[in-house]
N, C-alpha and C. Protein backbone atom coordinates (compact mmCIF):
# COMPACT_ATOMS: atom_id res chain seq x y z
N MET A 1 0.84 -1.20 0.00
CA MET A 1 0.00 0.00 0.00
C MET A 1 0.87 1.25 0.00
N TYR A 2 0.44 2.25 -0.78
CA TYR A 2 1.16 3.52 -0.79
C TYR A 2 0.15 4.66 -0.81
N ILE A 3 0.63 5.85 -0.48
CA ILE A 3 -0.22 7.04 -0.47
C ILE A 3 0.17 7.94 -1.63
N THR A 4 -0.82 8.56 -2.24
CA THR A 4 -0.54 9.50 -3.32
C THR A 4 -1.53 10.64 -3.27
N ALA A 5 -1.24 11.71 -4.01
CA ALA A 5 -2.13 12.86 -4.11
C ALA A 5 -2.44 13.11 -5.57
N VAL A 6 -3.72 13.32 -5.87
CA VAL A 6 -4.14 13.56 -7.24
C VAL A 6 -5.04 14.79 -7.27
N ALA A 7 -4.77 15.70 -8.20
CA ALA A 7 -5.64 16.85 -8.41
C ALA A 7 -6.41 16.60 -9.70
N THR A 8 -6.34 17.53 -10.65
CA THR A 8 -6.92 17.27 -11.97
C THR A 8 -6.10 16.14 -12.60
N PRO A 9 -6.73 15.03 -12.98
CA PRO A 9 -5.95 13.89 -13.48
C PRO A 9 -5.16 14.24 -14.74
N ARG A 10 -3.92 13.79 -14.76
CA ARG A 10 -3.02 14.09 -15.88
C ARG A 10 -2.89 12.96 -16.87
N ASN A 11 -3.39 11.79 -16.51
CA ASN A 11 -3.26 10.63 -17.40
C ASN A 11 -4.35 9.63 -17.05
N GLU A 12 -4.41 8.53 -17.81
CA GLU A 12 -5.45 7.54 -17.61
C GLU A 12 -5.34 6.86 -16.25
N ALA A 13 -4.12 6.66 -15.77
CA ALA A 13 -3.93 6.01 -14.48
C ALA A 13 -4.55 6.85 -13.35
N GLU A 14 -4.34 8.17 -13.41
CA GLU A 14 -4.92 9.03 -12.38
C GLU A 14 -6.43 9.13 -12.52
N ARG A 15 -6.93 9.13 -13.75
CA ARG A 15 -8.39 9.12 -13.94
C ARG A 15 -9.01 7.86 -13.33
N LYS A 16 -8.34 6.75 -13.48
CA LYS A 16 -8.83 5.50 -12.91
C LYS A 16 -8.83 5.56 -11.39
N LEU A 17 -7.78 6.12 -10.80
CA LEU A 17 -7.71 6.24 -9.34
C LEU A 17 -8.85 7.10 -8.80
N LEU A 18 -9.13 8.22 -9.49
CA LEU A 18 -10.22 9.08 -9.03
C LEU A 18 -11.56 8.40 -9.18
N SER A 19 -11.75 7.64 -10.24
CA SER A 19 -12.98 6.89 -10.41
C SER A 19 -13.14 5.87 -9.28
N GLU A 20 -12.05 5.22 -8.91
CA GLU A 20 -12.08 4.25 -7.83
C GLU A 20 -12.45 4.90 -6.50
N GLN A 21 -11.94 6.13 -6.25
CA GLN A 21 -12.27 6.77 -4.97
C GLN A 21 -13.72 7.21 -4.93
N HIS A 22 -14.29 7.61 -6.07
CA HIS A 22 -15.72 7.94 -6.08
C HIS A 22 -16.57 6.69 -5.82
N LYS A 23 -16.12 5.54 -6.32
CA LYS A 23 -16.83 4.29 -6.05
C LYS A 23 -16.73 3.92 -4.57
N LEU A 24 -15.54 4.09 -3.99
CA LEU A 24 -15.35 3.80 -2.57
C LEU A 24 -16.25 4.68 -1.72
N ARG A 25 -16.34 5.95 -2.07
CA ARG A 25 -17.22 6.86 -1.34
C ARG A 25 -18.67 6.41 -1.40
N ALA A 26 -19.11 5.95 -2.57
CA ALA A 26 -20.48 5.45 -2.70
C ALA A 26 -20.70 4.23 -1.82
N GLU A 27 -19.73 3.31 -1.82
CA GLU A 27 -19.86 2.09 -1.02
C GLU A 27 -19.93 2.41 0.48
N VAL A 28 -19.10 3.36 0.92
CA VAL A 28 -19.04 3.66 2.35
C VAL A 28 -20.19 4.56 2.79
N PHE A 29 -20.34 5.71 2.13
CA PHE A 29 -21.29 6.70 2.62
C PHE A 29 -22.74 6.33 2.32
N SER A 30 -23.00 5.78 1.14
CA SER A 30 -24.37 5.39 0.80
C SER A 30 -24.66 3.96 1.25
N GLY A 31 -23.77 3.02 0.84
CA GLY A 31 -24.03 1.62 1.13
C GLY A 31 -23.88 1.23 2.58
N ARG A 32 -22.79 1.64 3.23
CA ARG A 32 -22.52 1.19 4.60
C ARG A 32 -23.15 2.10 5.65
N LEU A 33 -23.04 3.42 5.44
CA LEU A 33 -23.51 4.36 6.45
C LEU A 33 -24.94 4.84 6.21
N GLY A 34 -25.44 4.65 5.00
CA GLY A 34 -26.81 5.05 4.70
C GLY A 34 -27.03 6.54 4.62
N TRP A 35 -25.96 7.31 4.29
CA TRP A 35 -26.11 8.75 4.16
C TRP A 35 -26.91 9.08 2.90
N GLU A 36 -27.58 10.23 2.91
CA GLU A 36 -28.29 10.71 1.73
C GLU A 36 -27.33 11.51 0.86
N VAL A 37 -26.58 10.79 0.04
CA VAL A 37 -25.61 11.40 -0.86
C VAL A 37 -25.99 11.07 -2.30
N ASP A 38 -25.44 11.82 -3.23
CA ASP A 38 -25.77 11.67 -4.64
C ASP A 38 -24.88 10.60 -5.27
N VAL A 39 -25.47 9.46 -5.60
CA VAL A 39 -24.74 8.35 -6.22
C VAL A 39 -25.29 8.11 -7.60
N ARG A 40 -24.42 8.17 -8.59
CA ARG A 40 -24.81 7.92 -9.97
C ARG A 40 -23.77 7.00 -10.61
N GLY A 41 -24.26 5.95 -11.24
CA GLY A 41 -23.34 5.00 -11.87
C GLY A 41 -22.39 4.37 -10.89
N GLY A 42 -22.85 4.22 -9.63
CA GLY A 42 -22.00 3.60 -8.62
C GLY A 42 -20.94 4.50 -8.04
N GLN A 43 -21.00 5.82 -8.34
CA GLN A 43 -20.01 6.77 -7.84
C GLN A 43 -20.69 7.89 -7.08
N GLU A 44 -20.08 8.29 -5.97
CA GLU A 44 -20.60 9.40 -5.17
C GLU A 44 -19.83 10.67 -5.48
N ARG A 45 -20.59 11.74 -5.78
CA ARG A 45 -19.99 13.04 -6.09
C ARG A 45 -20.88 14.14 -5.52
N ASP A 46 -20.28 15.31 -5.32
CA ASP A 46 -21.07 16.51 -5.03
C ASP A 46 -20.38 17.70 -5.69
N HIS A 47 -20.96 18.89 -5.52
CA HIS A 47 -20.43 20.04 -6.27
C HIS A 47 -19.06 20.49 -5.77
N PHE A 48 -18.65 20.05 -4.58
CA PHE A 48 -17.31 20.39 -4.12
C PHE A 48 -16.24 19.66 -4.93
N ASP A 49 -16.61 18.57 -5.59
CA ASP A 49 -15.66 17.88 -6.46
C ASP A 49 -15.38 18.67 -7.74
N ASP A 50 -16.17 19.71 -8.00
CA ASP A 50 -15.96 20.54 -9.18
C ASP A 50 -15.01 21.71 -8.90
N LEU A 51 -14.51 21.81 -7.66
CA LEU A 51 -13.68 22.95 -7.27
C LEU A 51 -12.18 22.63 -7.34
N ARG A 52 -11.82 21.61 -8.07
CA ARG A 52 -10.43 21.18 -8.26
C ARG A 52 -9.73 20.90 -6.93
N PRO A 53 -10.32 20.02 -6.12
CA PRO A 53 -9.68 19.68 -4.84
C PRO A 53 -8.46 18.79 -5.05
N ILE A 54 -7.75 18.58 -3.98
CA ILE A 54 -6.70 17.56 -3.93
C ILE A 54 -7.31 16.33 -3.29
N TYR A 55 -7.07 15.17 -3.86
CA TYR A 55 -7.51 13.91 -3.28
C TYR A 55 -6.30 13.16 -2.75
N ILE A 56 -6.33 12.81 -1.48
CA ILE A 56 -5.31 11.95 -0.89
C ILE A 56 -5.84 10.53 -0.96
N LEU A 57 -5.07 9.63 -1.55
CA LEU A 57 -5.53 8.26 -1.81
C LEU A 57 -4.56 7.24 -1.24
N ALA A 58 -5.11 6.22 -0.59
CA ALA A 58 -4.33 5.05 -0.18
C ALA A 58 -4.60 3.96 -1.20
N VAL A 59 -3.55 3.46 -1.83
CA VAL A 59 -3.67 2.56 -2.97
C VAL A 59 -2.89 1.28 -2.71
N THR A 60 -3.51 0.14 -3.00
CA THR A 60 -2.82 -1.14 -2.84
C THR A 60 -1.86 -1.37 -4.00
N ASP A 61 -1.05 -2.41 -3.87
CA ASP A 61 -0.07 -2.71 -4.92
C ASP A 61 -0.72 -3.10 -6.24
N ASN A 62 -1.98 -3.54 -6.19
CA ASN A 62 -2.69 -3.86 -7.44
C ASN A 62 -3.64 -2.73 -7.86
N ASP A 63 -3.31 -1.50 -7.42
CA ASP A 63 -3.99 -0.27 -7.85
C ASP A 63 -5.45 -0.18 -7.40
N ARG A 64 -5.76 -0.75 -6.26
CA ARG A 64 -7.10 -0.60 -5.69
C ARG A 64 -7.08 0.51 -4.64
N VAL A 65 -7.99 1.47 -4.76
CA VAL A 65 -8.08 2.55 -3.80
C VAL A 65 -8.84 2.07 -2.57
N ILE A 66 -8.19 2.11 -1.40
CA ILE A 66 -8.82 1.62 -0.17
C ILE A 66 -8.98 2.73 0.86
N GLY A 67 -8.58 3.95 0.50
CA GLY A 67 -8.77 5.07 1.40
C GLY A 67 -8.73 6.36 0.61
N CYS A 68 -9.52 7.35 1.02
CA CYS A 68 -9.52 8.62 0.31
C CYS A 68 -9.94 9.75 1.23
N ALA A 69 -9.52 10.94 0.86
CA ALA A 69 -9.95 12.17 1.53
C ALA A 69 -9.84 13.30 0.51
N ARG A 70 -10.70 14.29 0.66
CA ARG A 70 -10.73 15.44 -0.26
C ARG A 70 -10.28 16.69 0.49
N LEU A 71 -9.32 17.41 -0.07
CA LEU A 71 -8.78 18.61 0.57
C LEU A 71 -9.11 19.85 -0.25
N LEU A 72 -9.61 20.89 0.43
CA LEU A 72 -9.88 22.19 -0.19
C LEU A 72 -9.42 23.30 0.75
N PRO A 73 -8.86 24.39 0.20
CA PRO A 73 -8.45 25.50 1.06
C PRO A 73 -9.64 26.02 1.88
N ALA A 74 -9.43 26.24 3.16
CA ALA A 74 -10.53 26.65 4.03
C ALA A 74 -11.04 28.04 3.72
N ALA A 75 -10.26 28.84 3.01
CA ALA A 75 -10.69 30.20 2.68
C ALA A 75 -11.76 30.24 1.61
N GLY A 76 -11.87 29.17 0.82
CA GLY A 76 -12.84 29.15 -0.26
C GLY A 76 -14.09 28.40 0.13
N PRO A 77 -14.96 28.07 -0.84
CA PRO A 77 -16.14 27.26 -0.52
C PRO A 77 -15.71 25.92 0.07
N THR A 78 -16.32 25.56 1.19
CA THR A 78 -16.01 24.30 1.86
C THR A 78 -17.30 23.69 2.40
N MET A 79 -17.26 22.40 2.69
CA MET A 79 -18.41 21.75 3.28
C MET A 79 -18.71 22.31 4.67
N ILE A 80 -17.67 22.56 5.44
CA ILE A 80 -17.89 23.00 6.82
C ILE A 80 -18.56 24.37 6.85
N ALA A 81 -18.19 25.27 5.95
CA ALA A 81 -18.75 26.62 5.95
C ALA A 81 -20.07 26.70 5.21
N ASN A 82 -20.23 25.91 4.15
CA ASN A 82 -21.39 26.05 3.29
C ASN A 82 -22.49 25.03 3.55
N VAL A 83 -22.14 23.90 4.18
CA VAL A 83 -23.12 22.85 4.43
C VAL A 83 -23.35 22.65 5.92
N PHE A 84 -22.27 22.71 6.71
CA PHE A 84 -22.36 22.43 8.14
C PHE A 84 -22.12 23.66 9.00
N SER A 85 -22.57 24.81 8.53
CA SER A 85 -22.34 26.05 9.29
C SER A 85 -23.01 26.03 10.66
N SER A 86 -24.03 25.18 10.84
CA SER A 86 -24.70 25.10 12.14
C SER A 86 -23.77 24.56 13.22
N LEU A 87 -22.66 23.94 12.82
CA LEU A 87 -21.70 23.41 13.79
C LEU A 87 -20.68 24.45 14.22
N LEU A 88 -20.71 25.64 13.59
CA LEU A 88 -19.71 26.67 13.83
C LEU A 88 -20.24 27.77 14.74
N PRO A 89 -19.36 28.35 15.57
CA PRO A 89 -19.78 29.50 16.38
C PRO A 89 -20.26 30.64 15.47
N ASP A 90 -21.44 31.15 15.70
CA ASP A 90 -22.02 32.21 14.88
C ASP A 90 -22.18 31.80 13.42
N GLY A 91 -22.06 30.49 13.14
CA GLY A 91 -22.24 30.02 11.78
C GLY A 91 -21.13 30.36 10.82
N LYS A 92 -19.97 30.80 11.35
CA LYS A 92 -18.88 31.24 10.49
C LYS A 92 -17.59 30.49 10.82
N LEU A 93 -16.82 30.18 9.77
CA LEU A 93 -15.52 29.54 9.94
C LEU A 93 -14.45 30.63 9.95
N ARG A 94 -13.67 30.67 11.01
CA ARG A 94 -12.57 31.63 11.10
C ARG A 94 -11.33 30.99 10.49
N SER A 95 -11.25 31.08 9.18
CA SER A 95 -10.18 30.42 8.43
C SER A 95 -8.96 31.32 8.31
N HIS A 96 -7.86 30.74 7.86
CA HIS A 96 -6.64 31.49 7.55
C HIS A 96 -5.94 30.78 6.40
N ASP A 97 -4.92 31.40 5.86
CA ASP A 97 -4.28 30.88 4.65
C ASP A 97 -3.59 29.54 4.86
N ALA A 98 -3.26 29.20 6.11
CA ALA A 98 -2.57 27.94 6.39
C ALA A 98 -3.53 26.87 6.89
N MET A 99 -4.83 27.06 6.64
CA MET A 99 -5.83 26.07 7.04
C MET A 99 -6.42 25.41 5.80
N ILE A 100 -6.58 24.09 5.85
CA ILE A 100 -7.17 23.33 4.76
C ILE A 100 -8.29 22.46 5.31
N GLU A 101 -9.34 22.27 4.51
CA GLU A 101 -10.44 21.41 4.94
C GLU A 101 -10.25 20.00 4.40
N SER A 102 -10.49 19.02 5.25
CA SER A 102 -10.54 17.62 4.84
C SER A 102 -11.99 17.16 4.93
N SER A 103 -12.48 16.56 3.84
CA SER A 103 -13.84 16.03 3.83
C SER A 103 -13.85 14.71 3.08
N ARG A 104 -14.99 14.02 3.14
CA ARG A 104 -15.18 12.74 2.45
C ARG A 104 -14.07 11.73 2.76
N PHE A 105 -13.63 11.72 4.03
CA PHE A 105 -12.63 10.74 4.47
C PHE A 105 -13.31 9.38 4.62
N CYS A 106 -12.74 8.37 4.01
CA CYS A 106 -13.25 7.01 4.23
C CYS A 106 -12.16 6.00 3.92
N VAL A 107 -12.30 4.82 4.54
CA VAL A 107 -11.33 3.74 4.39
C VAL A 107 -12.08 2.42 4.29
N ASP A 108 -11.62 1.56 3.41
CA ASP A 108 -12.16 0.20 3.32
C ASP A 108 -11.41 -0.65 4.34
N THR A 109 -11.99 -0.80 5.52
CA THR A 109 -11.31 -1.53 6.60
C THR A 109 -11.43 -3.04 6.46
N SER A 110 -12.09 -3.51 5.37
CA SER A 110 -12.16 -4.96 5.15
C SER A 110 -10.88 -5.49 4.53
N VAL A 111 -10.04 -4.60 4.03
CA VAL A 111 -8.80 -5.01 3.38
C VAL A 111 -7.83 -5.55 4.43
N GLU A 112 -7.14 -6.62 4.07
CA GLU A 112 -6.18 -7.24 4.99
C GLU A 112 -4.88 -6.43 5.02
N ALA A 113 -4.94 -5.27 5.67
CA ALA A 113 -3.76 -4.42 5.76
C ALA A 113 -3.17 -4.40 7.15
N GLY A 114 -3.79 -5.13 8.08
CA GLY A 114 -3.25 -5.20 9.42
C GLY A 114 -3.72 -4.07 10.31
N ARG A 115 -3.31 -4.13 11.54
CA ARG A 115 -3.68 -3.12 12.53
C ARG A 115 -2.43 -2.44 13.03
N GLY A 116 -2.55 -1.13 13.21
CA GLY A 116 -1.40 -0.36 13.66
C GLY A 116 -1.57 0.08 15.10
N SER A 117 -1.19 1.33 15.38
CA SER A 117 -1.24 1.88 16.74
C SER A 117 -2.64 1.79 17.32
N ASN A 118 -2.72 1.30 18.57
CA ASN A 118 -3.99 1.20 19.29
C ASN A 118 -5.04 0.42 18.52
N ALA A 119 -4.62 -0.59 17.75
CA ALA A 119 -5.50 -1.46 16.98
C ALA A 119 -6.27 -0.72 15.89
N ILE A 120 -5.80 0.47 15.49
CA ILE A 120 -6.41 1.20 14.39
C ILE A 120 -5.90 0.61 13.08
N HIS A 121 -6.80 0.45 12.11
CA HIS A 121 -6.44 -0.16 10.84
C HIS A 121 -5.30 0.61 10.18
N GLU A 122 -4.34 -0.13 9.61
CA GLU A 122 -3.15 0.50 9.02
C GLU A 122 -3.52 1.45 7.89
N ALA A 123 -4.58 1.15 7.14
CA ALA A 123 -4.99 2.05 6.05
C ALA A 123 -5.46 3.39 6.61
N THR A 124 -6.12 3.37 7.77
CA THR A 124 -6.55 4.61 8.41
C THR A 124 -5.34 5.44 8.83
N LEU A 125 -4.36 4.81 9.47
CA LEU A 125 -3.15 5.52 9.88
C LEU A 125 -2.39 6.04 8.67
N THR A 126 -2.36 5.26 7.60
CA THR A 126 -1.69 5.69 6.37
C THR A 126 -2.36 6.93 5.81
N MET A 127 -3.70 6.97 5.82
CA MET A 127 -4.43 8.14 5.36
C MET A 127 -4.13 9.35 6.24
N PHE A 128 -4.13 9.17 7.54
CA PHE A 128 -3.80 10.28 8.44
C PHE A 128 -2.43 10.86 8.09
N ALA A 129 -1.45 9.97 7.94
CA ALA A 129 -0.09 10.42 7.64
C ALA A 129 -0.03 11.11 6.29
N GLY A 130 -0.76 10.59 5.31
CA GLY A 130 -0.75 11.19 3.98
C GLY A 130 -1.33 12.59 3.97
N ILE A 131 -2.43 12.79 4.68
CA ILE A 131 -3.03 14.12 4.77
C ILE A 131 -2.06 15.10 5.43
N ILE A 132 -1.41 14.66 6.50
CA ILE A 132 -0.46 15.53 7.19
C ILE A 132 0.75 15.82 6.31
N GLU A 133 1.28 14.79 5.65
CA GLU A 133 2.44 14.98 4.79
C GLU A 133 2.15 16.00 3.69
N TRP A 134 1.01 15.83 3.00
CA TRP A 134 0.68 16.76 1.92
C TRP A 134 0.49 18.17 2.47
N SER A 135 -0.18 18.29 3.62
CA SER A 135 -0.42 19.61 4.21
C SER A 135 0.89 20.32 4.52
N ILE A 136 1.81 19.62 5.16
CA ILE A 136 3.11 20.22 5.48
C ILE A 136 3.84 20.65 4.22
N ALA A 137 3.85 19.78 3.21
CA ALA A 137 4.57 20.06 1.97
C ALA A 137 4.01 21.27 1.23
N ASN A 138 2.74 21.59 1.47
CA ASN A 138 2.10 22.68 0.76
C ASN A 138 1.79 23.89 1.64
N GLY A 139 2.43 23.95 2.80
CA GLY A 139 2.36 25.15 3.63
C GLY A 139 1.16 25.26 4.53
N TYR A 140 0.44 24.15 4.76
CA TYR A 140 -0.71 24.17 5.65
C TYR A 140 -0.32 23.63 7.03
N THR A 141 -0.77 24.31 8.06
CA THR A 141 -0.43 23.91 9.43
C THR A 141 -1.64 23.42 10.22
N GLU A 142 -2.84 23.59 9.67
CA GLU A 142 -4.05 23.24 10.41
C GLU A 142 -5.09 22.66 9.45
N ILE A 143 -5.73 21.58 9.90
CA ILE A 143 -6.75 20.89 9.11
C ILE A 143 -8.08 21.06 9.84
N VAL A 144 -9.09 21.51 9.11
CA VAL A 144 -10.42 21.65 9.70
C VAL A 144 -11.33 20.60 9.08
N THR A 145 -12.21 20.03 9.88
CA THR A 145 -13.05 18.95 9.38
C THR A 145 -14.32 18.83 10.21
N VAL A 146 -15.28 18.12 9.65
CA VAL A 146 -16.48 17.72 10.37
C VAL A 146 -16.48 16.21 10.46
N THR A 147 -16.72 15.69 11.65
CA THR A 147 -16.72 14.24 11.82
C THR A 147 -17.80 13.86 12.83
N ASP A 148 -17.92 12.57 13.08
CA ASP A 148 -18.88 12.12 14.09
C ASP A 148 -18.13 11.76 15.37
N LEU A 149 -18.88 11.49 16.43
CA LEU A 149 -18.24 11.25 17.72
C LEU A 149 -17.41 9.97 17.74
N ARG A 150 -17.83 8.96 16.96
CA ARG A 150 -17.05 7.72 16.89
C ARG A 150 -15.66 8.00 16.31
N PHE A 151 -15.61 8.77 15.23
CA PHE A 151 -14.32 9.05 14.61
C PHE A 151 -13.49 10.00 15.46
N GLU A 152 -14.16 10.87 16.19
CA GLU A 152 -13.43 11.75 17.11
C GLU A 152 -12.70 10.91 18.15
N ARG A 153 -13.32 9.82 18.60
CA ARG A 153 -12.66 8.92 19.57
C ARG A 153 -11.45 8.23 18.94
N ILE A 154 -11.54 7.87 17.65
CA ILE A 154 -10.40 7.26 16.96
C ILE A 154 -9.23 8.23 16.93
N LEU A 155 -9.50 9.49 16.63
CA LEU A 155 -8.43 10.50 16.60
C LEU A 155 -7.75 10.62 17.97
N SER A 156 -8.54 10.56 19.02
CA SER A 156 -7.97 10.63 20.36
C SER A 156 -7.11 9.40 20.67
N ARG A 157 -7.55 8.24 20.20
CA ARG A 157 -6.80 7.00 20.46
C ARG A 157 -5.43 7.01 19.83
N VAL A 158 -5.28 7.68 18.69
CA VAL A 158 -3.97 7.73 18.05
C VAL A 158 -3.20 8.99 18.45
N ASP A 159 -3.69 9.70 19.47
CA ASP A 159 -3.03 10.89 20.00
C ASP A 159 -2.94 12.01 18.95
N TRP A 160 -4.05 12.19 18.22
CA TRP A 160 -4.21 13.32 17.29
C TRP A 160 -5.59 13.92 17.56
N PRO A 161 -5.79 14.42 18.78
CA PRO A 161 -7.14 14.80 19.20
C PRO A 161 -7.69 16.00 18.44
N LEU A 162 -8.97 15.94 18.16
CA LEU A 162 -9.68 17.03 17.50
C LEU A 162 -9.91 18.16 18.49
N GLN A 163 -9.56 19.38 18.08
CA GLN A 163 -9.85 20.56 18.88
C GLN A 163 -11.20 21.11 18.43
N ARG A 164 -12.23 20.87 19.24
CA ARG A 164 -13.57 21.28 18.83
C ARG A 164 -13.68 22.80 18.69
N ILE A 165 -14.42 23.23 17.66
CA ILE A 165 -14.68 24.66 17.49
C ILE A 165 -16.17 24.97 17.66
N GLY A 166 -16.91 23.98 18.08
CA GLY A 166 -18.33 24.15 18.36
C GLY A 166 -18.86 22.89 19.01
N PRO A 167 -20.02 22.94 19.63
CA PRO A 167 -20.58 21.77 20.29
C PRO A 167 -21.12 20.75 19.28
N PRO A 168 -21.16 19.47 19.65
CA PRO A 168 -21.75 18.46 18.77
C PRO A 168 -23.24 18.74 18.55
N ARG A 169 -23.70 18.40 17.36
CA ARG A 169 -25.11 18.56 17.03
C ARG A 169 -25.59 17.35 16.23
N LYS A 170 -26.86 17.05 16.39
CA LYS A 170 -27.46 15.96 15.64
C LYS A 170 -27.74 16.44 14.22
N ILE A 171 -27.17 15.75 13.24
CA ILE A 171 -27.43 16.04 11.83
C ILE A 171 -27.89 14.73 11.19
N GLY A 172 -29.17 14.64 10.86
CA GLY A 172 -29.71 13.38 10.38
C GLY A 172 -29.63 12.34 11.46
N SER A 173 -29.03 11.20 11.14
CA SER A 173 -28.87 10.13 12.11
C SER A 173 -27.52 10.15 12.82
N THR A 174 -26.71 11.20 12.56
CA THR A 174 -25.36 11.27 13.09
C THR A 174 -25.20 12.45 14.03
N THR A 175 -24.45 12.26 15.11
CA THR A 175 -24.06 13.38 15.95
C THR A 175 -22.70 13.86 15.46
N ALA A 176 -22.69 15.06 14.88
CA ALA A 176 -21.49 15.58 14.21
C ALA A 176 -20.84 16.67 15.05
N VAL A 177 -19.55 16.87 14.79
CA VAL A 177 -18.80 17.92 15.48
C VAL A 177 -17.75 18.48 14.52
N ALA A 178 -17.53 19.78 14.59
CA ALA A 178 -16.50 20.43 13.79
C ALA A 178 -15.28 20.71 14.65
N GLY A 179 -14.10 20.60 14.04
CA GLY A 179 -12.90 20.85 14.81
C GLY A 179 -11.68 20.96 13.92
N THR A 180 -10.56 21.23 14.56
CA THR A 180 -9.30 21.37 13.84
C THR A 180 -8.27 20.37 14.35
N LEU A 181 -7.32 20.06 13.47
CA LEU A 181 -6.22 19.15 13.77
C LEU A 181 -4.92 19.79 13.33
N PRO A 182 -3.87 19.74 14.15
CA PRO A 182 -2.59 20.32 13.74
C PRO A 182 -1.88 19.43 12.72
N ALA A 183 -1.11 20.05 11.85
CA ALA A 183 -0.29 19.31 10.87
C ALA A 183 1.15 19.79 11.03
N ASP A 184 1.99 18.93 11.60
CA ASP A 184 3.40 19.29 11.77
C ASP A 184 4.25 18.02 11.71
N PRO A 185 5.55 18.17 11.53
CA PRO A 185 6.43 17.00 11.36
C PRO A 185 6.39 16.03 12.53
N ALA A 186 6.24 16.52 13.76
CA ALA A 186 6.25 15.63 14.91
C ALA A 186 5.03 14.71 14.89
N ILE A 187 3.88 15.26 14.55
CA ILE A 187 2.67 14.44 14.48
C ILE A 187 2.76 13.45 13.33
N PHE A 188 3.30 13.90 12.19
CA PHE A 188 3.49 13.00 11.05
C PHE A 188 4.36 11.82 11.45
N ALA A 189 5.47 12.08 12.13
CA ALA A 189 6.39 11.01 12.53
C ALA A 189 5.72 10.06 13.51
N ARG A 190 4.85 10.57 14.38
CA ARG A 190 4.19 9.74 15.36
C ARG A 190 3.12 8.84 14.75
N LEU A 191 2.39 9.35 13.76
CA LEU A 191 1.28 8.60 13.18
C LEU A 191 1.69 7.71 12.02
N ARG A 192 2.78 8.00 11.37
CA ARG A 192 3.18 7.26 10.17
C ARG A 192 3.43 5.78 10.49
N PRO A 193 2.74 4.87 9.79
CA PRO A 193 2.99 3.43 10.01
C PRO A 193 4.41 3.05 9.62
N LYS A 194 4.89 1.96 10.17
CA LYS A 194 6.26 1.51 9.93
C LYS A 194 6.52 1.28 8.45
N ASN A 195 5.53 0.73 7.73
CA ASN A 195 5.71 0.42 6.31
C ASN A 195 5.18 1.52 5.39
N TYR A 196 5.08 2.73 5.89
CA TYR A 196 4.51 3.84 5.12
C TYR A 196 5.31 4.11 3.85
N GLN A 197 4.59 4.14 2.72
CA GLN A 197 5.19 4.46 1.43
C GLN A 197 4.38 5.59 0.80
N SER A 198 5.06 6.61 0.31
CA SER A 198 4.38 7.79 -0.20
C SER A 198 4.92 8.22 -1.55
N MET A 199 3.98 8.64 -2.43
CA MET A 199 4.34 9.25 -3.71
C MET A 199 4.05 10.75 -3.70
N ILE A 200 3.68 11.28 -2.54
CA ILE A 200 3.28 12.68 -2.47
C ILE A 200 4.41 13.62 -2.87
N ALA A 201 5.64 13.27 -2.52
CA ALA A 201 6.77 14.14 -2.86
C ALA A 201 6.96 14.30 -4.36
N PHE A 202 6.36 13.41 -5.14
CA PHE A 202 6.54 13.45 -6.59
C PHE A 202 5.35 14.05 -7.33
N THR A 203 4.31 14.48 -6.59
CA THR A 203 3.12 14.96 -7.27
C THR A 203 3.15 16.45 -7.55
N HIS A 204 3.71 17.26 -6.62
CA HIS A 204 3.83 18.71 -6.81
C HIS A 204 2.53 19.34 -7.27
N CYS A 205 1.42 19.00 -6.64
CA CYS A 205 0.14 19.56 -7.05
C CYS A 205 -0.45 20.37 -5.90
N GLN A 206 -1.10 21.48 -6.25
CA GLN A 206 -1.75 22.31 -5.27
C GLN A 206 -3.13 22.66 -5.77
N PRO A 207 -4.08 22.88 -4.83
CA PRO A 207 -5.41 23.26 -5.25
C PRO A 207 -5.43 24.64 -5.88
N ALA A 208 -6.36 24.85 -6.82
CA ALA A 208 -6.47 26.14 -7.48
C ALA A 208 -7.12 27.15 -6.55
């Protein structure tokens, strides 16, 4: 398994990887979690995918995408500000140039990738490390996200606790919370799995 970052696809291989991550999102968010998301042709998409985000992908040796996350600069349109503003103090995100939003994080935990720190699936830890690595490489020091209480507990277990910026609220069938996570070399070194392999240093891509 290795981690990579893809923006606007430059070749057929990258187009295939992005197609695979949209399928994974459909399987997880619609199929497993039962969220009301837009799935067409077996792929989940929304209008934030039209904003030229960066996708962090965990890919197996046979080119199967088993983890993904979508990154967008917090200063622009984001899910947290435009969809989940009820989770924010006064309904507003106090963003800065070194803040990036992570959304649509998911991992196929059925893959035999083993368990890492605190029995967390290695693919999950690999995704955490990949998001941090890309953020550091591109000048971002803080990640803002919306998650549920179960995932907030996972972040605490790996010693990357979410700093809440508002109280949890019931959204649909989920109790959601907004918060920030630091991105720095020390945290990257702590979370990175022993067998971590990354292609991020070779992508040189930034969001528009």
